[in-house]
C-alpha atoms as a PDB file:
ATOM      1  CA  MET A   1     -26.070  27.840 -13.391  1.00  0.00           C
ATOM      2  CA  PRO A   2     -25.134  30.028 -16.234  1.00  0.00           C
ATOM      3  CA  ASP A   3     -24.840  32.970 -13.507  1.00  0.00           C
ATOM      4  CA  THR A   4     -22.493  30.804 -11.330  1.00  0.00           C
ATOM      5  CA  LEU A   5     -20.368  30.103 -14.357  1.00  0.00           C
ATOM      6  CA  ALA A   6     -20.220  33.559 -15.307  1.00  0.00           C
ATOM      7  CA  THR A   7     -19.164  34.627 -11.682  1.00  0.00           C
ATOM      8  CA  ALA A   8     -16.603  31.638 -11.635  1.00  0.00           C
ATOM      9  CA  ARG A   9     -15.264  32.866 -14.882  1.00  0.00           C
ATOM     10  CA  GLU A  10     -15.135  36.742 -13.856  1.00  0.00           C
ATOM     11  CA  LEU A  11     -13.415  35.547 -10.197  1.00  0.00           C
ATOM     12  CA  ASP A  12     -10.791  33.734 -12.419  1.00  0.00           C
ATOM     13  CA  THR A  13     -10.072  36.608 -14.660  1.00  0.00           C
ATOM     14  CA  GLU A  14      -9.756  38.627 -11.801  1.00  0.00           C
ATOM     15  CA  ARG A  15      -7.366  36.700  -9.994  1.00  0.00           C
ATOM     16  CA  ALA A  16      -5.267  35.949 -13.274  1.00  0.00           C
ATOM     17  CA  LEU A  17      -5.108  39.469 -13.687  1.00  0.00           C
ATOM     18  CA  LEU A  18      -3.916  40.010  -9.684  1.00  0.00           C
ATOM     19  CA  LEU A  19      -1.451  37.467 -10.092  1.00  0.00           C
ATOM     20  CA  PHE A  20      -0.323  38.993 -13.342  1.00  0.00           C
ATOM     21  CA  PHE A  21       0.358  42.425 -11.429  1.00  0.00           C
ATOM     22  CA  LEU A  22       1.807  40.731  -8.514  1.00  0.00           C
ATOM     23  CA  VAL A  23       4.744  38.881 -10.954  1.00  0.00           C
ATOM     24  CA  LEU A  24       5.127  42.210 -12.844  1.00  0.00           C
ATOM     25  CA  GLY A  25       5.458  44.297  -9.799  1.00  0.00           C
ATOM     26  CA  SER A  26       7.761  42.039  -8.323  1.00  0.00           C
ATOM     27  CA  ALA A  27      10.177  41.565 -11.355  1.00  0.00           C
ATOM     28  CA  LEU A  28       9.994  45.560 -11.680  1.00  0.00           C
ATOM     29  CA  PHE A  29      10.669  46.188  -7.920  1.00  0.00           C
ATOM     30  CA  ALA A  30      13.959  43.378  -8.440  1.00  0.00           C
ATOM     31  CA  LEU A  31      14.860  45.380 -11.726  1.00  0.00           C
ATOM     32  CA  THR A  32      15.212  48.464  -9.834  1.00  0.00           C
ATOM     33  CA  PHE A  33      18.317  47.320  -7.800  1.00  0.00           C
ATOM     34  CA  THR A  34      20.174  46.984 -11.212  1.00  0.00           C
ATOM     35  CA  PHE A  35      19.947  50.792 -11.738  1.00  0.00           C
ATOM     36  CA  GLU A  36      23.013  52.445 -12.029  1.00  0.00           C
ATOM     37  CA  TYR A  37      22.029  55.488  -9.567  1.00  0.00           C
ATOM     38  CA  SER A  38      19.955  54.875  -6.258  1.00  0.00           C
ATOM     39  CA  THR A  39      18.073  57.783  -6.570  1.00  0.00           C
ATOM     40  CA  ALA A  40      16.717  57.100  -9.865  1.00  0.00           C
ATOM     41  CA  ALA A  41      15.085  53.803  -8.537  1.00  0.00           C
ATOM     42  CA  LEU A  42      13.388  55.334  -5.968  1.00  0.00           C
ATOM     43  CA  PHE A  43      10.103  56.258  -7.710  1.00  0.00           C
ATOM     44  CA  PRO A  44       9.958  53.019  -9.643  1.00  0.00           C
ATOM     45  CA  ARG A  45      10.683  50.824  -6.367  1.00  0.00           C
ATOM     46  CA  LEU A  46       7.911  52.880  -4.784  1.00  0.00           C
ATOM     47  CA  THR A  47       5.515  52.288  -7.549  1.00  0.00           C
ATOM     48  CA  ALA A  48       6.474  48.718  -7.870  1.00  0.00           C
ATOM     49  CA  GLY A  49       5.747  48.281  -4.031  1.00  0.00           C
ATOM     50  CA  ALA A  50       2.595  49.745  -4.384  1.00  0.00           C
ATOM     51  CA  ILE A  51       1.305  47.126  -7.248  1.00  0.00           C
ATOM     52  CA  ILE A  52       2.688  44.388  -5.168  1.00  0.00           C
ATOM     53  CA  ILE A  53       0.862  45.571  -1.892  1.00  0.00           C
ATOM     54  CA  GLY A  54      -2.239  46.360  -3.920  1.00  0.00           C
ATOM     55  CA  SER A  55      -2.142  43.168  -5.346  1.00  0.00           C
ATOM     56  CA  VAL A  56      -1.632  41.092  -2.383  1.00  0.00           C
ATOM     57  CA  LEU A  57      -4.557  42.867  -0.465  1.00  0.00           C
ATOM     58  CA  LEU A  58      -6.754  42.098  -3.468  1.00  0.00           C
ATOM     59  CA  LEU A  59      -5.930  38.453  -3.745  1.00  0.00           C
ATOM     60  CA  ALA A  60      -5.999  37.751  -0.003  1.00  0.00           C
ATOM     61  CA  GLU A  61      -9.165  40.076   0.303  1.00  0.00           C
ATOM     62  CA  SER A  62     -11.394  37.277   2.101  1.00  0.00           C
ATOM     63  CA  TRP A  63      -8.893  36.575   5.043  1.00  0.00           C
ATOM     64  CA  LEU A  64      -8.628  40.228   5.960  1.00  0.00           C
ATOM     65  CA  PRO A  65     -10.213  41.624   8.871  1.00  0.00           C
ATOM     66  CA  ALA A  66     -13.733  43.003   8.283  1.00  0.00           C
ATOM     67  CA  PRO A  67     -12.634  46.916   8.533  1.00  0.00           C
ATOM     68  CA  LEU A  68      -9.708  46.321   6.138  1.00  0.00           C
ATOM     69  CA  GLN A  69     -11.668  44.197   3.828  1.00  0.00           C
ATOM     70  CA  ARG A  70     -14.439  46.960   3.232  1.00  0.00           C
ATOM     71  CA  VAL A  71     -11.686  49.590   2.439  1.00  0.00           C
ATOM     72  CA  VAL A  72      -9.888  46.774   0.046  1.00  0.00           C
ATOM     73  CA  ALA A  73     -13.267  45.533  -1.366  1.00  0.00           C
ATOM     74  CA  GLU A  74     -15.032  48.925  -1.740  1.00  0.00           C
ATOM     75  CA  PRO A  75     -15.688  49.455  -5.518  1.00  0.00           C
ATOM     76  CA  VAL A  76     -13.971  52.736  -6.978  1.00  0.00           C
ATOM     77  CA  SER A  77     -14.463  54.506 -10.480  1.00  0.00           C
ATOM     78  CA  ILE A  78     -12.477  56.868 -11.562  1.00  0.00           C
ATOM     79  CA  ALA A  79     -14.369  57.947 -14.562  1.00  0.00           C
ATOM     80  CA  ASP A  80     -17.643  58.376 -12.805  1.00  0.00           C
ATOM     81  CA  PRO A  81     -18.244  61.224 -10.411  1.00  0.00           C
ATOM     82  CA  ASP A  82     -18.455  60.700  -6.992  1.00  0.00           C
ATOM     83  CA  ASP A  83     -21.966  60.187  -5.795  1.00  0.00           C
ATOM     84  CA  GLU A  84     -20.934  61.210  -1.937  1.00  0.00           C
ATOM     85  CA  PHE A  85     -21.966  65.197  -2.615  1.00  0.00           C
ATOM     86  CA  ASP A  86     -25.160  64.376  -4.333  1.00  0.00           C
ATOM     87  CA  SER A  87     -28.221  65.716  -2.412  1.00  0.00           C
ATOM     88  CA  ALA A  88     -29.993  62.720  -0.488  1.00  0.00           C
ATOM     89  CA  ALA A  89     -33.189  64.740  -1.481  1.00  0.00           C
ATOM     90  CA  GLU A  90     -32.775  63.919  -5.416  1.00  0.00           C
ATOM     91  CA  PRO A  91     -33.001  60.140  -5.963  1.00  0.00           C
ATOM     92  CA  ALA A  92     -30.869  59.011  -8.802  1.00  0.00           C
ATOM     93  CA  ALA A  93     -32.468  57.880 -11.940  1.00  0.00           C
ATOM     94  CA  ALA A  94     -32.353  54.400 -12.500  1.00  0.00           C
ATOM     95  CA  THR A  95     -30.702  54.203 -16.168  1.00  0.00           C
ATOM     96  CA  ASP A  96     -28.165  52.047 -17.932  1.00  0.00           C
ATOM     97  CA  GLU A  97     -26.416  54.956 -19.656  1.00  0.00           C
ATOM     98  CA  LEU A  98     -23.017  55.833 -18.946  1.00  0.00           C
ATOM     99  CA  PRO A  99     -22.324  59.498 -17.687  1.00  0.00           C
ATOM    100  CA  THR A 100     -21.363  61.475 -20.476  1.00  0.00           C
ATOM    101  CA  THR A 101     -19.690  64.905 -20.962  1.00  0.00           C
ATOM    102  CA  ARG A 102     -20.175  66.796 -24.577  1.00  0.00           C
ATOM    103  CA  GLY A 103     -22.034  63.525 -25.872  1.00  0.00           C
ATOM    104  CA  VAL A 104     -18.738  61.136 -25.117  1.00  0.00           C
ATOM    105  CA  PRO A 105     -18.946  58.437 -22.295  1.00  0.00           C
ATOM    106  CA  ASP A 106     -16.747  59.895 -19.580  1.00  0.00           C
ATOM    107  CA  ALA A 107     -14.783  56.545 -19.418  1.00  0.00           C
ATOM    108  CA  VAL A 108     -14.024  57.098 -22.895  1.00  0.00           C
ATOM    109  CA  ALA A 109     -13.035  60.586 -22.423  1.00  0.00           C
ATOM    110  CA  THR A 110     -10.672  59.945 -19.652  1.00  0.00           C
ATOM    111  CA  PHE A 111      -9.183  56.952 -21.594  1.00  0.00           C
ATOM    112  CA  GLY A 112      -8.607  59.087 -24.737  1.00  0.00           C
ATOM    113  CA  LEU A 113      -7.235  62.051 -22.706  1.00  0.00           C
ATOM    114  CA  LEU A 114      -4.705  59.962 -20.955  1.00  0.00           C
ATOM    115  CA  LEU A 115      -3.772  57.871 -24.021  1.00  0.00           C
ATOM    116  CA  GLY A 116      -3.173  61.394 -25.802  1.00  0.00           C
ATOM    117  CA  TYR A 117      -1.192  62.445 -22.827  1.00  0.00           C
ATOM    118  CA  LEU A 118       1.123  59.298 -23.062  1.00  0.00           C
ATOM    119  CA  LEU A 119       1.562  59.982 -26.692  1.00  0.00           C
ATOM    120  CA  THR A 120       2.242  63.743 -26.396  1.00  0.00           C
ATOM    121  CA  SER A 121       4.711  62.799 -23.796  1.00  0.00           C
ATOM    122  CA  TYR A 122       6.183  60.587 -25.634  1.00  0.00           C
ATOM    123  CA  LEU A 123       6.550  63.089 -28.708  1.00  0.00           C
ATOM    124  CA  ILE A 124       7.284  66.359 -26.839  1.00  0.00           C
ATOM    125  CA  GLY A 125       8.342  65.101 -23.245  1.00  0.00           C
ATOM    126  CA  ILE A 126       6.154  65.118 -20.078  1.00  0.00           C
ATOM    127  CA  LEU A 127       7.556  68.666 -18.893  1.00  0.00           C
ATOM    128  CA  TRP A 128       5.706  70.147 -21.799  1.00  0.00           C
ATOM    129  CA  ALA A 129       3.063  67.735 -22.139  1.00  0.00           C
ATOM    130  CA  THR A 130       1.485  68.014 -18.812  1.00  0.00           C
ATOM    131  CA  PRO A 131       0.510  71.690 -18.836  1.00  0.00           C
ATOM    132  CA  VAL A 132      -1.661  70.800 -22.150  1.00  0.00           C
ATOM    133  CA  PHE A 133      -3.277  67.673 -20.631  1.00  0.00           C
ATOM    134  CA  THR A 134      -4.286  69.436 -17.470  1.00  0.00           C
ATOM    135  CA  LEU A 135      -5.676  72.024 -19.163  1.00  0.00           C
ATOM    136  CA  ALA A 136      -7.754  69.830 -21.867  1.00  0.00           C
ATOM    137  CA  TYR A 137      -8.763  67.532 -18.853  1.00  0.00           C
ATOM    138  CA  SER A 138     -10.147  70.366 -17.284  1.00  0.00           C
ATOM    139  CA  TRP A 139     -11.560  72.042 -20.112  1.00  0.00           C
ATOM    140  CA  TRP A 140     -13.428  68.728 -21.202  1.00  0.00           C
ATOM    141  CA  PHE A 141     -14.754  68.227 -17.762  1.00  0.00           C
ATOM    142  CA  GLY A 142     -16.073  71.529 -17.506  1.00  0.00           C
ATOM    143  CA  GLN A 143     -13.840  72.209 -14.150  1.00  0.00           C
ATOM    144  CA  SER A 144     -13.957  75.870 -12.733  1.00  0.00           C
ATOM    145  CA  ARG A 145     -11.001  78.233 -13.273  1.00  0.00           C
ATOM    146  CA  ARG A 146     -10.321  77.775  -9.610  1.00  0.00           C
ATOM    147  CA  THR A 147     -10.320  73.919  -9.801  1.00  0.00           C
ATOM    148  CA  THR A 148      -8.347  74.005 -12.816  1.00  0.00           C
ATOM    149  CA  ALA A 149      -5.714  76.286 -11.561  1.00  0.00           C
ATOM    150  CA  ILE A 150      -5.237  73.864  -8.449  1.00  0.00           C
ATOM    151  CA  ILE A 151      -5.126  70.765 -10.775  1.00  0.00           C
ATOM    152  CA  PHE A 152      -2.421  72.768 -13.086  1.00  0.00           C
ATOM    153  CA  THR A 153      -0.483  74.289 -10.075  1.00  0.00           C
ATOM    154  CA  THR A 154      -0.083  70.563  -8.319  1.00  0.00           C
ATOM    155  CA  ALA A 155       0.615  68.938 -11.736  1.00  0.00           C
ATOM    156  CA  MET A 156       3.311  71.394 -12.514  1.00  0.00           C
ATOM    157  CA  VAL A 157       4.868  71.299  -9.071  1.00  0.00           C
ATOM    158  CA  ILE A 158       4.877  67.561  -9.191  1.00  0.00           C
ATOM    159  CA  VAL A 159       6.323  67.763 -12.605  1.00  0.00           C
ATOM    160  CA  PHE A 160       9.081  70.364 -11.791  1.00  0.00           C
ATOM    161  CA  ALA A 161       9.977  68.649  -8.273  1.00  0.00           C
ATOM    162  CA  PHE A 162      10.825  65.372 -10.545  1.00  0.00           C
ATOM    163  CA  TYR A 163      12.519  67.444 -13.011  1.00  0.00           C
ATOM    164  CA  PHE A 164      14.725  69.133 -10.424  1.00  0.00           C
ATOM    165  CA  LEU A 165      15.259  67.065  -7.829  1.00  0.00           C
ATOM    166  CA  VAL A 166      15.466  63.829  -9.023  1.00  0.00           C
ATOM    167  CA  ASP A 167      17.233  65.200 -12.312  1.00  0.00           C
ATOM    168  CA  ALA A 168      14.887  63.190 -14.674  1.00  0.00           C
ATOM    169  CA  PRO A 169      15.189  64.303 -18.174  1.00  0.00           C
ATOM    170  CA  LEU A 170      11.212  65.065 -18.629  1.00  0.00           C
ATOM    171  CA  GLU A 171      11.768  67.806 -21.079  1.00  0.00           C
ATOM    172  CA  ASP A 172      12.868  65.159 -23.696  1.00  0.00           C
ATOM    173  CA  GLY A 173      10.710  63.883 -26.147  1.00  0.00           C
ATOM    174  CA  LEU A 174      11.069  62.061 -29.573  1.00  0.00           C
ATOM    175  CA  LEU A 175      10.178  65.085 -31.664  1.00  0.00           C
ATOM    176  CA  LEU A 176      12.435  67.666 -29.671  1.00  0.00           C
ATOM    177  CA  GLU A 177      15.612  65.338 -29.685  1.00  0.00           C
ATOM    178  CA  TRP A 178      15.305  65.524 -33.399  1.00  0.00           C
ATOM    179  CA  ILE A 179      14.721  69.411 -33.408  1.00  0.00           C
ATOM    180  CA  TRP A 180      17.473  70.389 -30.823  1.00  0.00           C
END
């Protein structure tokens, strides 16, 4: 009986979180119509739309057709390496330990790097924080120089696209506003 109670509590917590995201996404979507410039509303509107669609898909998971249900219900972890490329000849060791890099669990390192990116972006601006973050992330997880160059270039293309095409003030940060 305790397992059933724990499962029910987990399900209720998950549904509550999904409902929260659905309400939040809907509110953010509605707020984008108050923006002065329609081009400035595009990215937040698309992001809110993705949150709404994802929340609805996860809430309605049990009523979806089987092929779509498999896609929606498949567990995904951004912190764990993908097992898809592991050799079938090497059986995975059954341990309860979290994957680590440099003695720190990968999930903790990813969270710390993202938190550092957000803080650095706030202080010096996204334009200047992005190259620092991409290089730090690639170094921490031991990416090859080729992979690091691809990640770095992709990130910078995205940042400069927003900077020039949307005319977003990505170079502004709290510290740089005081200096300039």
